[in-house]
Protein backbone atom coordinates (compact mmCIF):
# COMPACT_ATOMS: atom_id res chain seq x y z
CA MET A 1 -7.50 8.61 -6.64
CA PRO A 2 -6.35 6.21 -3.93
CA LEU A 3 -7.62 2.66 -3.69
CA TYR A 4 -9.05 1.96 -0.23
CA GLU A 5 -10.21 -1.30 1.32
CA PHE A 6 -13.47 -1.25 3.28
CA CYS A 7 -15.43 -3.71 5.42
CA CYS A 8 -19.20 -3.54 5.82
CA ASP A 9 -20.40 -3.23 9.42
CA ASN A 10 -23.61 -5.09 8.51
CA CYS A 11 -22.73 -8.02 6.20
CA LYS A 12 -18.93 -8.05 6.86
CA LYS A 13 -18.09 -8.07 3.14
CA LYS A 14 -14.63 -6.68 2.30
CA PHE A 15 -14.13 -4.73 -0.92
CA GLU A 16 -11.90 -2.12 -2.55
CA VAL A 17 -13.01 1.22 -4.01
CA LEU A 18 -11.24 4.09 -5.76
CA VAL A 19 -12.24 7.16 -3.72
CA ARG A 20 -11.20 10.80 -3.83
CA ILE A 21 -9.21 11.86 -0.78
CA GLY A 22 -11.61 13.18 1.85
CA GLN A 23 -14.61 11.37 0.36
CA GLU A 24 -14.13 8.07 2.18
CA GLY A 25 -17.20 8.76 4.35
CA THR A 26 -19.51 8.61 1.32
CA VAL A 27 -18.77 4.94 0.59
CA ARG A 28 -21.50 2.38 1.32
CA CYS A 29 -21.41 -1.40 1.03
CA GLU A 30 -21.67 -2.51 -2.57
CA THR A 31 -23.73 -5.56 -1.53
CA CYS A 32 -26.21 -4.40 1.13
CA GLY A 33 -25.78 -0.60 1.19
CA GLY A 34 -24.71 -0.68 4.82
CA THR A 35 -22.18 1.56 6.53
CA VAL A 36 -18.54 0.64 6.11
CA ARG A 37 -15.25 1.25 7.83
CA LYS A 38 -11.95 1.82 6.08
CA LEU A 39 -9.42 -0.92 6.75
CA PHE A 40 -5.73 -0.41 7.29
CA SER A 41 -3.97 -1.81 4.27
CA THR A 42 -0.48 -3.24 4.68
CA PHE A 43 0.27 -2.92 0.97
CA GLY A 44 3.38 -0.78 0.58
CA VAL A 45 3.92 -0.32 4.32
CA GLY A 46 7.54 -0.89 5.31
CA GLY A 47 8.67 -1.32 1.73
CA GLY A 48 11.60 1.05 2.21
CA ALA A 49 13.84 -1.62 3.71
CA ASN A 50 13.70 -3.72 0.57
CA ARG A 51 14.44 -0.96 -1.91
CA VAL A 52 17.67 -1.12 -3.86
CA LYS A 53 19.59 2.12 -3.96
CA SER A 54 20.82 2.89 -7.44
CA SER A 55 24.24 4.51 -7.43
CA GLY A 56 25.07 4.02 -11.10
CA HIS A 57 27.88 1.61 -10.16
CA SER A 58 27.89 -2.14 -9.98
CA CYS A 59 29.67 -4.10 -7.25
CA SER A 60 32.58 -4.73 -9.57
CA SER A 61 33.31 -1.00 -9.66
CA CYS A 62 32.62 -0.02 -6.04
CA ALA A 63 35.28 0.18 -3.34
CA GLY A 64 34.01 -2.85 -1.42
CA HIS A 65 33.59 -5.18 -4.42
CA SER A 66 30.80 -6.87 -2.50
CA CYS A 67 27.05 -6.27 -2.62
CA SER A 68 26.88 -6.49 1.17
CA THR A 69 29.11 -3.39 1.48
CA CYS A 70 27.49 -1.28 -1.26
CA LYS A 71 25.59 1.71 0.08
């Protein structure tokens, strides 16, 4: 189950809830019971640029002998 972040339309409280996919519309505010909207979470967005590609070789054994040239 994904973890979603919601904000209450009534009291403006932000909270996270584990919800089955497709069941996001059933969530109500945990404080006042009001209607909520799902927030866009930036967690994990754009993380691909920082990933290290594992090739099984270290820089000392690659052709470039420099981490900046390893692919």
